[in-house]
Amino acid sequence: IEIARADLVLWLGPEGEGPAGAWEIEAQCDRAERLTKREPIFR
């Protein structure tokens, strides 16, 4: 419900699986075992 209500979603999940218009964020970039993304807007 909150995802649908939001003006913007920061998507920290697998690349391409977030809602339309979400920003792809590669979080925890200081960790070697993080979920990596090919073209995130921000690491």
Full PDB file with SEQRES, HELIX, SHEET, SSBOND, CRYST1, ORIGX, SCALE, CONECT and MASTER records, all heavy atoms in Angstrom:
SEQRES   1 A   43  ILE GLU ILE ALA ARG ALA ASP LEU VAL LEU TRP LEU GLY          
SEQRES   2 A   43  PRO GLU GLY GLU GLY PRO ALA GLY ALA TRP GLU ILE GLU          
SEQRES   3 A   43  ALA GLN CYS ASP ARG ALA GLU ARG LEU THR LYS ARG GLU          
SEQRES   4 A   43  PRO ILE PHE ARG                                              
HELIX    1 AA1 GLU A    2  ARG A    5  1                                   4    
SHEET    1 AA1 2 LEU A  10  TRP A  11  0                                        
SHEET    2 AA1 2 TRP A  23  GLU A  24  1                                        
CRYST1    1.000    1.000    1.000  90.00  90.00  90.00 P 1           1          
ORIGX1      1.000000  0.000000  0.000000        0.00000                         
ORIGX2      0.000000  1.000000  0.000000        0.00000                         
ORIGX3      0.000000  0.000000  1.000000        0.00000                         
SCALE1      1.000000  0.000000  0.000000        0.00000                         
SCALE2      0.000000  1.000000  0.000000        0.00000                         
SCALE3      0.000000  0.000000  1.000000        0.00000                         
ATOM      1  N   ILE A   1       0.839  -1.200   0.000  1.00  0.00           N  
ATOM      2  CA  ILE A   1       0.000   0.000   0.000  1.00  0.00           C  
ATOM      3  C   ILE A   1       0.874   1.249   0.000  1.00  0.00           C  
ATOM      4  O   ILE A   1       0.602   2.219  -0.727  1.00  0.00           O  
ATOM      5  CB  ILE A   1      -0.940  -0.003   1.220  1.00  0.00           C  
ATOM      6  CG1 ILE A   1      -1.958  -1.155   1.098  1.00  0.00           C  
ATOM      7  CG2 ILE A   1      -1.671   1.334   1.358  1.00  0.00           C  
ATOM      8  CD1 ILE A   1      -2.833  -1.333   2.322  1.00  0.00           C  
ATOM      9  N   GLU A   2       1.927   1.250   0.806  1.00  0.00           N  
ATOM     10  CA  GLU A   2       2.818   2.406   0.884  1.00  0.00           C  
ATOM     11  C   GLU A   2       3.568   2.621  -0.424  1.00  0.00           C  
ATOM     12  O   GLU A   2       3.810   3.759  -0.829  1.00  0.00           O  
ATOM     13  CB  GLU A   2       3.805   2.243   2.041  1.00  0.00           C  
ATOM     14  CG  GLU A   2       3.180   2.406   3.405  1.00  0.00           C  
ATOM     15  CD  GLU A   2       2.618   3.800   3.625  1.00  0.00           C  
ATOM     16  OE1 GLU A   2       3.161   4.767   3.024  1.00  0.00           O  
ATOM     17  OE2 GLU A   2       1.655   3.947   4.380  1.00  0.00           O  
ATOM     18  N   ILE A   3       3.948   1.547  -1.088  1.00  0.00           N  
ATOM     19  CA  ILE A   3       4.638   1.668  -2.380  1.00  0.00           C  
ATOM     20  C   ILE A   3       3.736   2.367  -3.387  1.00  0.00           C  
ATOM     21  O   ILE A   3       4.165   3.244  -4.141  1.00  0.00           O  
ATOM     22  CB  ILE A   3       5.073   0.283  -2.886  1.00  0.00           C  
ATOM     23  CG1 ILE A   3       6.226  -0.247  -2.022  1.00  0.00           C  
ATOM     24  CG2 ILE A   3       5.484   0.336  -4.354  1.00  0.00           C  
ATOM     25  CD1 ILE A   3       6.625  -1.666  -2.336  1.00  0.00           C  
ATOM     26  N   ALA A   4       2.453   1.977  -3.404  1.00  0.00           N  
ATOM     27  CA  ALA A   4       1.505   2.596  -4.327  1.00  0.00           C  
ATOM     28  C   ALA A   4       1.252   4.058  -3.969  1.00  0.00           C  
ATOM     29  O   ALA A   4       0.978   4.883  -4.853  1.00  0.00           O  
ATOM     30  CB  ALA A   4       0.193   1.817  -4.316  1.00  0.00           C  
ATOM     31  N   ARG A   5       1.347   4.401  -2.696  1.00  0.00           N  
ATOM     32  CA  ARG A   5       1.053   5.758  -2.242  1.00  0.00           C  
ATOM     33  C   ARG A   5       2.228   6.705  -2.418  1.00  0.00           C  
ATOM     34  O   ARG A   5       2.043   7.923  -2.527  1.00  0.00           O  
ATOM     35  CB  ARG A   5       0.654   5.708  -0.767  1.00  0.00           C  
ATOM     36  CG  ARG A   5       0.301   7.034  -0.156  1.00  0.00           C  
ATOM     37  CD  ARG A   5       0.031   6.896   1.343  1.00  0.00           C  
ATOM     38  NE  ARG A   5      -0.199   8.185   1.964  1.00  0.00           N  
ATOM     39  CZ  ARG A   5      -0.280   8.384   3.269  1.00  0.00           C  
ATOM     40  NH1 ARG A   5      -0.184   7.358   4.103  1.00  0.00           N  
ATOM     41  NH2 ARG A   5      -0.489   9.597   3.758  1.00  0.00           N  
ATOM     42  N   ALA A   6       3.436   6.189  -2.473  1.00  0.00           N  
ATOM     43  CA  ALA A   6       4.642   7.009  -2.446  1.00  0.00           C  
ATOM     44  C   ALA A   6       4.787   7.865  -3.697  1.00  0.00           C  
ATOM     45  O   ALA A   6       4.354   7.492  -4.794  1.00  0.00           O  
ATOM     46  CB  ALA A   6       5.872   6.121  -2.285  1.00  0.00           C  
ATOM     47  N   ASP A   7       5.399   9.041  -3.524  1.00  0.00           N  
ATOM     48  CA  ASP A   7       5.755   9.877  -4.663  1.00  0.00           C  
ATOM     49  C   ASP A   7       6.987   9.338  -5.370  1.00  0.00           C  
ATOM     50  O   ASP A   7       7.168   9.556  -6.570  1.00  0.00           O  
ATOM     51  CB  ASP A   7       6.020  11.311  -4.192  1.00  0.00           C  
ATOM     52  CG  ASP A   7       4.786  11.951  -3.565  1.00  0.00           C  
ATOM     53  OD1 ASP A   7       3.732  11.962  -4.217  1.00  0.00           O  
ATOM     54  OD2 ASP A   7       4.881  12.410  -2.406  1.00  0.00           O  
ATOM     55  N   LEU A   8       7.835   8.627  -4.632  1.00  0.00           N  
ATOM     56  CA  LEU A   8       9.041   8.022  -5.200  1.00  0.00           C  
ATOM     57  C   LEU A   8       9.409   6.804  -4.360  1.00  0.00           C  
ATOM     58  O   LEU A   8       9.285   6.830  -3.139  1.00  0.00           O  
ATOM     59  CB  LEU A   8      10.207   9.023  -5.204  1.00  0.00           C  
ATOM     60  CG  LEU A   8      11.561   8.498  -5.682  1.00  0.00           C  
ATOM     61  CD1 LEU A   8      11.506   8.132  -7.168  1.00  0.00           C  
ATOM     62  CD2 LEU A   8      12.664   9.519  -5.428  1.00  0.00           C  
ATOM     63  N   VAL A   9       9.854   5.752  -5.031  1.00  0.00           N  
ATOM     64  CA  VAL A   9      10.289   4.536  -4.346  1.00  0.00           C  
ATOM     65  C   VAL A   9      11.782   4.345  -4.579  1.00  0.00           C  
ATOM     66  O   VAL A   9      12.252   4.406  -5.723  1.00  0.00           O  
ATOM     67  CB  VAL A   9       9.520   3.298  -4.840  1.00  0.00           C  
ATOM     68  CG1 VAL A   9      10.089   2.018  -4.210  1.00  0.00           C  
ATOM     69  CG2 VAL A   9       8.039   3.425  -4.537  1.00  0.00           C  
ATOM     70  N   LEU A  10      12.527   4.153  -3.511  1.00  0.00           N  
ATOM     71  CA  LEU A  10      13.925   3.747  -3.608  1.00  0.00           C  
ATOM     72  C   LEU A  10      13.942   2.230  -3.534  1.00  0.00           C  
ATOM     73  O   LEU A  10      13.619   1.646  -2.484  1.00  0.00           O  
ATOM     74  CB  LEU A  10      14.754   4.363  -2.479  1.00  0.00           C  
ATOM     75  CG  LEU A  10      14.752   5.898  -2.369  1.00  0.00           C  
ATOM     76  CD1 LEU A  10      15.701   6.357  -1.264  1.00  0.00           C  
ATOM     77  CD2 LEU A  10      15.109   6.547  -3.694  1.00  0.00           C  
ATOM     78  N   TRP A  11      14.303   1.573  -4.626  1.00  0.00           N  
ATOM     79  CA  TRP A  11      14.226   0.110  -4.712  1.00  0.00           C  
ATOM     80  C   TRP A  11      15.585  -0.490  -4.396  1.00  0.00           C  
ATOM     81  O   TRP A  11      16.559  -0.283  -5.116  1.00  0.00           O  
ATOM     82  CB  TRP A  11      13.750  -0.319  -6.097  1.00  0.00           C  
ATOM     83  CG  TRP A  11      13.681  -1.802  -6.264  1.00  0.00           C  
ATOM     84  CD1 TRP A  11      14.469  -2.587  -7.052  1.00  0.00           C  
ATOM     85  CD2 TRP A  11      12.777  -2.701  -5.604  1.00  0.00           C  
ATOM     86  NE1 TRP A  11      14.116  -3.907  -6.946  1.00  0.00           N  
ATOM     87  CE2 TRP A  11      13.077  -4.002  -6.056  1.00  0.00           C  
ATOM     88  CE3 TRP A  11      11.757  -2.516  -4.677  1.00  0.00           C  
ATOM     89  CZ2 TRP A  11      12.383  -5.130  -5.610  1.00  0.00           C  
ATOM     90  CZ3 TRP A  11      11.065  -3.637  -4.228  1.00  0.00           C  
ATOM     91  CH2 TRP A  11      11.373  -4.914  -4.690  1.00  0.00           C  
ATOM     92  N   LEU A  12      15.630  -1.247  -3.290  1.00  0.00           N  
ATOM     93  CA  LEU A  12      16.864  -1.873  -2.841  1.00  0.00           C  
ATOM     94  C   LEU A  12      16.889  -3.356  -3.160  1.00  0.00           C  
ATOM     95  O   LEU A  12      17.783  -4.079  -2.715  1.00  0.00           O  
ATOM     96  CB  LEU A  12      17.051  -1.664  -1.329  1.00  0.00           C  
ATOM     97  CG  LEU A  12      17.626  -0.310  -0.884  1.00  0.00           C  
ATOM     98  CD1 LEU A  12      16.706   0.844  -1.230  1.00  0.00           C  
ATOM     99  CD2 LEU A  12      17.916  -0.319   0.620  1.00  0.00           C  
ATOM    100  N   GLY A  13      15.911  -3.849  -3.905  1.00  0.00           N  
ATOM    101  CA  GLY A  13      15.837  -5.255  -4.251  1.00  0.00           C  
ATOM    102  C   GLY A  13      16.526  -5.570  -5.562  1.00  0.00           C  
ATOM    103  O   GLY A  13      17.262  -4.739  -6.123  1.00  0.00           O  
ATOM    104  N   PRO A  14      16.328  -6.784  -6.089  1.00  0.00           N  
ATOM    105  CA  PRO A  14      16.948  -7.194  -7.353  1.00  0.00           C  
ATOM    106  C   PRO A  14      16.624  -6.214  -8.469  1.00  0.00           C  
ATOM    107  O   PRO A  14      15.495  -5.733  -8.592  1.00  0.00           O  
ATOM    108  CB  PRO A  14      16.349  -8.577  -7.616  1.00  0.00           C  
ATOM    109  CG  PRO A  14      15.996  -9.088  -6.258  1.00  0.00           C  
ATOM    110  CD  PRO A  14      15.557  -7.899  -5.483  1.00  0.00           C  
ATOM    111  N   GLU A  15      17.613  -5.947  -9.306  1.00  0.00           N  
ATOM    112  CA  GLU A  15      17.466  -4.951 -10.356  1.00  0.00           C  
ATOM    113  C   GLU A  15      16.333  -5.313 -11.315  1.00  0.00           C  
ATOM    114  O   GLU A  15      16.219  -6.451 -11.765  1.00  0.00           O  
ATOM    115  CB  GLU A  15      18.771  -4.817 -11.131  1.00  0.00           C  
ATOM    116  CG  GLU A  15      18.851  -3.605 -12.021  1.00  0.00           C  
ATOM    117  CD  GLU A  15      20.275  -3.339 -12.502  1.00  0.00           C  
ATOM    118  OE1 GLU A  15      21.157  -4.194 -12.249  1.00  0.00           O  
ATOM    119  OE2 GLU A  15      20.501  -2.280 -13.102  1.00  0.00           O  
ATOM    120  N   GLY A  16      15.486  -4.341 -11.602  1.00  0.00           N  
ATOM    121  CA  GLY A  16      14.395  -4.543 -12.539  1.00  0.00           C  
ATOM    122  C   GLY A  16      13.127  -5.107 -11.944  1.00  0.00           C  
ATOM    123  O   GLY A  16      12.112  -5.215 -12.637  1.00  0.00           O  
ATOM    124  N   GLU A  17      13.138  -5.467 -10.659  1.00  0.00           N  
ATOM    125  CA  GLU A  17      11.955  -6.060 -10.037  1.00  0.00           C  
ATOM    126  C   GLU A  17      11.140  -5.065  -9.213  1.00  0.00           C  
ATOM    127  O   GLU A  17      10.116  -5.428  -8.634  1.00  0.00           O  
ATOM    128  CB  GLU A  17      12.361  -7.241  -9.142  1.00  0.00           C  
ATOM    129  CG  GLU A  17      13.000  -8.388  -9.911  1.00  0.00           C  
ATOM    130  CD  GLU A  17      13.327  -9.572  -9.016  1.00  0.00           C  
ATOM    131  OE1 GLU A  17      12.845  -9.581  -7.853  1.00  0.00           O  
ATOM    132  OE2 GLU A  17      14.066 -10.475  -9.457  1.00  0.00           O  
ATOM    133  N   GLY A  18      11.584  -3.819  -9.179  1.00  0.00           N  
ATOM    134  CA  GLY A  18      10.860  -2.810  -8.415  1.00  0.00           C  
ATOM    135  C   GLY A  18       9.699  -2.232  -9.193  1.00  0.00           C  
ATOM    136  O   GLY A  18       9.503  -2.537 -10.376  1.00  0.00           O  
ATOM    137  N   PRO A  19       8.891  -1.394  -8.564  1.00  0.00           N  
ATOM    138  CA  PRO A  19       7.746  -0.765  -9.247  1.00  0.00           C  
ATOM    139  C   PRO A  19       8.216   0.200 -10.324  1.00  0.00           C  
ATOM    140  O   PRO A  19       9.363   0.675 -10.311  1.00  0.00           O  
ATOM    141  CB  PRO A  19       7.017  -0.047  -8.113  1.00  0.00           C  
ATOM    142  CG  PRO A  19       8.058   0.203  -7.083  1.00  0.00           C  
ATOM    143  CD  PRO A  19       8.996  -0.961  -7.156  1.00  0.00           C  
ATOM    144  N   ALA A  20       7.341   0.509 -11.254  1.00  0.00           N  
ATOM    145  CA  ALA A  20       7.664   1.429 -12.338  1.00  0.00           C  
ATOM    146  C   ALA A  20       8.039   2.794 -11.774  1.00  0.00           C  
ATOM    147  O   ALA A  20       7.386   3.309 -10.868  1.00  0.00           O  
ATOM    148  CB  ALA A  20       6.475   1.559 -13.286  1.00  0.00           C  
ATOM    149  N   GLY A  21       9.101   3.352 -12.318  1.00  0.00           N  
ATOM    150  CA  GLY A  21       9.546   4.678 -11.900  1.00  0.00           C  
ATOM    151  C   GLY A  21      10.421   4.693 -10.667  1.00  0.00           C  
ATOM    152  O   GLY A  21      10.880   5.758 -10.249  1.00  0.00           O  
ATOM    153  N   ALA A  22      10.677   3.534 -10.064  1.00  0.00           N  
ATOM    154  CA  ALA A  22      11.502   3.477  -8.854  1.00  0.00           C  
ATOM    155  C   ALA A  22      12.967   3.756  -9.187  1.00  0.00           C  
ATOM    156  O   ALA A  22      13.430   3.481 -10.302  1.00  0.00           O  
ATOM    157  CB  ALA A  22      11.359   2.121  -8.183  1.00  0.00           C  
ATOM    158  N   TRP A  23      13.678   4.299  -8.214  1.00  0.00           N  
ATOM    159  CA  TRP A  23      15.116   4.493  -8.359  1.00  0.00           C  
ATOM    160  C   TRP A  23      15.828   3.219  -7.915  1.00  0.00           C  
ATOM    161  O   TRP A  23      15.593   2.716  -6.805  1.00  0.00           O  
ATOM    162  CB  TRP A  23      15.587   5.653  -7.489  1.00  0.00           C  
ATOM    163  CG  TRP A  23      15.242   7.006  -8.044  1.00  0.00           C  
ATOM    164  CD1 TRP A  23      14.379   7.300  -9.062  1.00  0.00           C  
ATOM    165  CD2 TRP A  23      15.767   8.263  -7.594  1.00  0.00           C  
ATOM    166  NE1 TRP A  23      14.312   8.633  -9.272  1.00  0.00           N  
ATOM    167  CE2 TRP A  23      15.148   9.268  -8.394  1.00  0.00           C  
ATOM    168  CE3 TRP A  23      16.650   8.641  -6.597  1.00  0.00           C  
ATOM    169  CZ2 TRP A  23      15.433  10.622  -8.219  1.00  0.00           C  
ATOM    170  CZ3 TRP A  23      16.927   9.988  -6.410  1.00  0.00           C  
ATOM    171  CH2 TRP A  23      16.323  10.971  -7.224  1.00  0.00           C  
ATOM    172  N   GLU A  24      16.682   2.710  -8.777  1.00  0.00           N  
ATOM    173  CA  GLU A  24      17.485   1.541  -8.432  1.00  0.00           C  
ATOM    174  C   GLU A  24      18.631   1.983  -7.521  1.00  0.00           C  
ATOM    175  O   GLU A  24      19.474   2.788  -7.899  1.00  0.00           O  
ATOM    176  CB  GLU A  24      18.041   0.877  -9.691  1.00  0.00           C  
ATOM    177  CG  GLU A  24      16.994   0.254 -10.598  1.00  0.00           C  
ATOM    178  CD  GLU A  24      16.493  -1.091 -10.068  1.00  0.00           C  
ATOM    179  OE1 GLU A  24      17.002  -1.545  -9.014  1.00  0.00           O  
ATOM    180  OE2 GLU A  24      15.600  -1.672 -10.703  1.00  0.00           O  
ATOM    181  N   ILE A  25      18.648   1.442  -6.309  1.00  0.00           N  
ATOM    182  CA  ILE A  25      19.681   1.774  -5.325  1.00  0.00           C  
ATOM    183  C   ILE A  25      20.437   0.514  -4.953  1.00  0.00           C  
ATOM    184  O   ILE A  25      19.839  -0.486  -4.558  1.00  0.00           O  
ATOM    185  CB  ILE A  25      19.070   2.400  -4.054  1.00  0.00           C  
ATOM    186  CG1 ILE A  25      18.230   3.643  -4.397  1.00  0.00           C  
ATOM    187  CG2 ILE A  25      20.174   2.732  -3.045  1.00  0.00           C  
ATOM    188  CD1 ILE A  25      19.020   4.788  -4.981  1.00  0.00           C  
ATOM    189  N   GLU A  26      21.753   0.563  -5.096  1.00  0.00           N  
ATOM    190  CA  GLU A  26      22.595  -0.536  -4.607  1.00  0.00           C  
ATOM    191  C   GLU A  26      23.099  -0.129  -3.232  1.00  0.00           C  
ATOM    192  O   GLU A  26      24.004   0.693  -3.090  1.00  0.00           O  
ATOM    193  CB  GLU A  26      23.764  -0.796  -5.556  1.00  0.00           C  
ATOM    194  CG  GLU A  26      24.626  -1.986  -5.116  1.00  0.00           C  
ATOM    195  CD  GLU A  26      25.774  -2.261  -6.060  1.00  0.00           C  
ATOM    196  OE1 GLU A  26      25.540  -2.311  -7.288  1.00  0.00           O  
ATOM    197  OE2 GLU A  26      26.917  -2.419  -5.571  1.00  0.00           O  
ATOM    198  N   ALA A  27      22.441  -0.685  -2.231  1.00  0.00           N  
ATOM    199  CA  ALA A  27      22.776  -0.330  -0.853  1.00  0.00           C  
ATOM    200  C   ALA A  27      23.907  -1.209  -0.325  1.00  0.00           C  
ATOM    201  O   ALA A  27      24.318  -2.181  -0.966  1.00  0.00           O  
ATOM    202  CB  ALA A  27      21.536  -0.474   0.026  1.00  0.00           C  
ATOM    203  N   GLN A  28      24.405  -0.840   0.848  1.00  0.00           N  
ATOM    204  CA  GLN A  28      25.437  -1.627   1.536  1.00  0.00           C  
ATOM    205  C   GLN A  28      26.662  -1.846   0.649  1.00  0.00           C  
ATOM    206  O   GLN A  28      27.252  -2.924   0.640  1.00  0.00           O  
ATOM    207  CB  GLN A  28      24.864  -2.982   1.981  1.00  0.00           C  
ATOM    208  CG  GLN A  28      23.639  -2.865   2.875  1.00  0.00           C  
ATOM    209  CD  GLN A  28      22.977  -4.208   3.147  1.00  0.00           C  
ATOM    210  OE1 GLN A  28      22.951  -5.094   2.287  1.00  0.00           O  
ATOM    211  NE2 GLN A  28      22.432  -4.358   4.344  1.00  0.00           N  
ATOM    212  N   CYS A  29      27.043  -0.799  -0.115  1.00  0.00           N  
ATOM    213  CA  CYS A  29      28.154  -0.973  -1.046  1.00  0.00           C  
ATOM    214  C   CYS A  29      29.489  -1.176  -0.341  1.00  0.00           C  
ATOM    215  O   CYS A  29      30.494  -1.470  -0.989  1.00  0.00           O  
ATOM    216  CB  CYS A  29      28.227   0.207  -2.017  1.00  0.00           C  
ATOM    217  SG  CYS A  29      28.708   1.776  -1.264  1.00  0.00           S  
ATOM    218  N   ASP A  30      29.505  -1.039   0.983  1.00  0.00           N  
ATOM    219  CA  ASP A  30      30.730  -1.308   1.745  1.00  0.00           C  
ATOM    220  C   ASP A  30      30.899  -2.791   2.059  1.00  0.00           C  
ATOM    221  O   ASP A  30      31.940  -3.210   2.554  1.00  0.00           O  
ATOM    222  CB  ASP A  30      30.689  -0.520   3.060  1.00  0.00           C  
ATOM    223  CG  ASP A  30      29.474  -0.863   3.895  1.00  0.00           C  
ATOM    224  OD1 ASP A  30      28.342  -0.657   3.386  1.00  0.00           O  
ATOM    225  OD2 ASP A  30      29.624  -1.341   5.031  1.00  0.00           O  
ATOM    226  N   ARG A  31      29.859  -3.603   1.746  1.00  0.00           N  
ATOM    227  CA  ARG A  31      29.901  -5.032   2.064  1.00  0.00           C  
ATOM    228  C   ARG A  31      30.181  -5.844   0.813  1.00  0.00           C  
ATOM    229  O   ARG A  31      29.586  -5.625  -0.255  1.00  0.00           O  
ATOM    230  CB  ARG A  31      28.562  -5.464   2.671  1.00  0.00           C  
ATOM    231  CG  ARG A  31      28.244  -4.788   3.989  1.00  0.00           C  
ATOM    232  CD  ARG A  31      26.876  -5.182   4.491  1.00  0.00           C  
ATOM    233  NE  ARG A  31      26.753  -6.641   4.635  1.00  0.00           N  
ATOM    234  CZ  ARG A  31      25.642  -7.245   5.015  1.00  0.00           C  
ATOM    235  NH1 ARG A  31      24.538  -6.528   5.247  1.00  0.00           N  
ATOM    236  NH2 ARG A  31      25.618  -8.566   5.124  1.00  0.00           N  
ATOM    237  N   ALA A  32      31.063  -6.827   0.937  1.00  0.00           N  
ATOM    238  CA  ALA A  32      31.420  -7.667  -0.208  1.00  0.00           C  
ATOM    239  C   ALA A  32      30.258  -8.553  -0.633  1.00  0.00           C  
ATOM    240  O   ALA A  32      30.086  -8.853  -1.825  1.00  0.00           O  
ATOM    241  CB  ALA A  32      32.643  -8.521   0.136  1.00  0.00           C  
ATOM    242  N   GLU A  33      29.407  -8.984   0.316  1.00  0.00           N  
ATOM    243  CA  GLU A  33      28.318  -9.902  -0.002  1.00  0.00           C  
ATOM    244  C   GLU A  33      27.018  -9.192  -0.339  1.00  0.00           C  
ATOM    245  O   GLU A  33      25.941  -9.784  -0.288  1.00  0.00           O  
ATOM    246  CB  GLU A  33      28.086 -10.858   1.174  1.00  0.00           C  
ATOM    247  CG  GLU A  33      27.570 -10.217   2.457  1.00  0.00           C  
ATOM    248  CD  GLU A  33      28.660  -9.629   3.324  1.00  0.00           C  
ATOM    249  OE1 GLU A  33      29.793  -9.423   2.802  1.00  0.00           O  
ATOM    250  OE2 GLU A  33      28.394  -9.359   4.511  1.00  0.00           O  
ATOM    251  N   ARG A  34      27.094  -7.948  -0.745  1.00  0.00           N  
ATOM    252  CA  ARG A  34      25.889  -7.185  -1.050  1.00  0.00           C  
ATOM    253  C   ARG A  34      25.252  -7.654  -2.357  1.00  0.00           C  
ATOM    254  O   ARG A  34      25.872  -8.352  -3.158  1.00  0.00           O  
ATOM    255  CB  ARG A  34      26.232  -5.702  -1.181  1.00  0.00           C  
ATOM    256  CG  ARG A  34      27.071  -5.382  -2.421  1.00  0.00           C  
ATOM    257  CD  ARG A  34      27.457  -3.924  -2.464  1.00  0.00           C  
ATOM    258  NE  ARG A  34      28.201  -3.560  -3.665  1.00  0.00           N  
ATOM    259  CZ  ARG A  34      29.496  -3.701  -3.813  1.00  0.00           C  
ATOM    260  NH1 ARG A  34      30.217  -4.229  -2.820  1.00  0.00           N  
ATOM    261  NH2 ARG A  34      30.093  -3.345  -4.944  1.00  0.00           N  
ATOM    262  N   LEU A  35      23.973  -7.213  -2.554  1.00  0.00           N  
ATOM    263  CA  LEU A  35      23.274  -7.438  -3.809  1.00  0.00           C  
ATOM    264  C   LEU A  35      23.746  -6.386  -4.808  1.00  0.00           C  
ATOM    265  O   LEU A  35      23.510  -5.198  -4.627  1.00  0.00           O  
ATOM    266  CB  LEU A  35      21.760  -7.317  -3.607  1.00  0.00           C  
ATOM    267  CG  LEU A  35      20.883  -7.418  -4.852  1.00  0.00           C  
ATOM    268  CD1 LEU A  35      20.965  -8.809  -5.464  1.00  0.00           C  
ATOM    269  CD2 LEU A  35      19.440  -7.057  -4.520  1.00  0.00           C  
ATOM    270  N   THR A  36      24.462  -6.816  -5.848  1.00  0.00           N  
ATOM    271  CA  THR A  36      25.010  -5.864  -6.814  1.00  0.00           C  
ATOM    272  C   THR A  36      24.013  -5.609  -7.951  1.00  0.00           C  
ATOM    273  O   THR A  36      23.145  -6.436  -8.248  1.00  0.00           O  
ATOM    274  CB  THR A  36      26.326  -6.385  -7.407  1.00  0.00           C  
ATOM    275  OG1 THR A  36      26.083  -7.637  -8.058  1.00  0.00           O  
ATOM    276  CG2 THR A  36      27.369  -6.581  -6.313  1.00  0.00           C  
ATOM    277  N   LYS A  37      24.167  -4.439  -8.568  1.00  0.00           N  
ATOM    278  CA  LYS A  37      23.328  -4.058  -9.697  1.00  0.00           C  
ATOM    279  C   LYS A  37      24.206  -3.528 -10.824  1.00  0.00           C  
ATOM    280  O   LYS A  37      25.254  -2.925 -10.580  1.00  0.00           O  
ATOM    281  CB  LYS A  37      22.308  -2.988  -9.277  1.00  0.00           C  
ATOM    282  CG  LYS A  37      21.358  -3.452  -8.179  1.00  0.00           C  
ATOM    283  CD  LYS A  37      20.258  -2.426  -7.932  1.00  0.00           C  
ATOM    284  CE  LYS A  37      19.302  -2.888  -6.850  1.00  0.00           C  
ATOM    285  NZ  LYS A  37      18.138  -1.983  -6.684  1.00  0.00           N  
ATOM    286  N   ARG A  38      23.762  -3.746 -12.068  1.00  0.00           N  
ATOM    287  CA  ARG A  38      24.558  -3.308 -13.218  1.00  0.00           C  
ATOM    288  C   ARG A  38      24.504  -1.789 -13.390  1.00  0.00           C  
ATOM    289  O   ARG A  38      25.542  -1.159 -13.599  1.00  0.00           O  
ATOM    290  CB  ARG A  38      24.038  -3.977 -14.496  1.00  0.00           C  
ATOM    291  CG  ARG A  38      24.235  -5.488 -14.544  1.00  0.00           C  
ATOM    292  CD  ARG A  38      23.895  -6.042 -15.930  1.00  0.00           C  
ATOM    293  NE  ARG A  38      22.538  -5.683 -16.323  1.00  0.00           N  
ATOM    294  CZ  ARG A  38      21.460  -6.392 -15.979  1.00  0.00           C  
ATOM    295  NH1 ARG A  38      21.591  -7.469 -15.223  1.00  0.00           N  
ATOM    296  NH2 ARG A  38      20.258  -6.013 -16.362  1.00  0.00           N  
ATOM    297  N   GLU A  39      23.315  -1.206 -13.312  1.00  0.00           N  
ATOM    298  CA  GLU A  39      23.162   0.225 -13.573  1.00  0.00           C  
ATOM    299  C   GLU A  39      22.297   0.902 -12.505  1.00  0.00           C  
ATOM    300  O   GLU A  39      21.212   1.418 -12.793  1.00  0.00           O  
ATOM    301  CB  GLU A  39      22.551   0.448 -14.955  1.00  0.00           C  
ATOM    302  CG  GLU A  39      23.423  -0.052 -16.097  1.00  0.00           C  
ATOM    303  CD  GLU A  39      22.780   0.212 -17.449  1.00  0.00           C  
ATOM    304  OE1 GLU A  39      21.610   0.648 -17.473  1.00  0.00           O  
ATOM    305  OE2 GLU A  39      23.436  -0.028 -18.469  1.00  0.00           O  
ATOM    306  N   PRO A  40      22.746   0.897 -11.264  1.00  0.00           N  
ATOM    307  CA  PRO A  40      21.962   1.606 -10.234  1.00  0.00           C  
ATOM    308  C   PRO A  40      22.108   3.110 -10.399  1.00  0.00           C  
ATOM    309  O   PRO A  40      23.106   3.600 -10.937  1.00  0.00           O  
ATOM    310  CB  PRO A  40      22.605   1.136  -8.928  1.00  0.00           C  
ATOM    311  CG  PRO A  40      24.031   0.870  -9.312  1.00  0.00           C  
ATOM    312  CD  PRO A  40      23.982   0.319 -10.709  1.00  0.00           C  
ATOM    313  N   ILE A  41      21.115   3.830  -9.946  1.00  0.00           N  
ATOM    314  CA  ILE A  41      21.234   5.288  -9.951  1.00  0.00           C  
ATOM    315  C   ILE A  41      22.266   5.728  -8.921  1.00  0.00           C  
ATOM    316  O   ILE A  41      23.042   6.652  -9.156  1.00  0.00           O  
ATOM    317  CB  ILE A  41      19.853   5.924  -9.667  1.00  0.00           C  
ATOM    318  CG1 ILE A  41      18.888   5.615 -10.802  1.00  0.00           C  
ATOM    319  CG2 ILE A  41      19.976   7.438  -9.478  1.00  0.00           C  
ATOM    320  CD1 ILE A  41      17.514   6.221 -10.632  1.00  0.00           C  
ATOM    321  N   PHE A  42      22.292   5.026  -7.771  1.00  0.00           N  
ATOM    322  CA  PHE A  42      23.281   5.321  -6.740  1.00  0.00           C  
ATOM    323  C   PHE A  42      23.757   4.023  -6.095  1.00  0.00           C  
ATOM    324  O   PHE A  42      22.960   3.099  -5.884  1.00  0.00           O  
ATOM    325  CB  PHE A  42      22.701   6.238  -5.648  1.00  0.00           C  
ATOM    326  CG  PHE A  42      22.573   7.668  -6.061  1.00  0.00           C  
ATOM    327  CD1 PHE A  42      21.344   8.180  -6.458  1.00  0.00           C  
ATOM    328  CD2 PHE A  42      23.678   8.516  -6.054  1.00  0.00           C  
ATOM    329  CE1 PHE A  42      21.215   9.489  -6.847  1.00  0.00           C  
ATOM    330  CE2 PHE A  42      23.550   9.838  -6.440  1.00  0.00           C  
ATOM    331  CZ  PHE A  42      22.320  10.329  -6.837  1.00  0.00           C  
ATOM    332  N   ARG A  43      25.057   3.969  -5.812  1.00  0.00           N  
ATOM    333  CA  ARG A  43      25.621   2.956  -4.925  1.00  0.00           C  
ATOM    334  C   ARG A  43      25.953   3.669  -3.618  1.00  0.00           C  
ATOM    335  O   ARG A  43      26.757   4.605  -3.602  1.00  0.00           O  
ATOM    336  CB  ARG A  43      26.880   2.316  -5.525  1.00  0.00           C  
ATOM    337  CG  ARG A  43      26.615   1.433  -6.730  1.00  0.00           C  
ATOM    338  CD  ARG A  43      27.882   0.739  -7.205  1.00  0.00           C  
ATOM    339  NE  ARG A  43      27.590  -0.253  -8.233  1.00  0.00           N  
ATOM    340  CZ  ARG A  43      27.583  -0.004  -9.542  1.00  0.00           C  
ATOM    341  NH1 ARG A  43      27.879   1.234  -9.962  1.00  0.00           N  
ATOM    342  NH2 ARG A  43      27.290  -0.954 -10.401  1.00  0.00           N  
TER     343      ARG A  43                                                      
MASTER        0    0    0    1    2    0    0    6  342    1    0    4          
END                                                                             
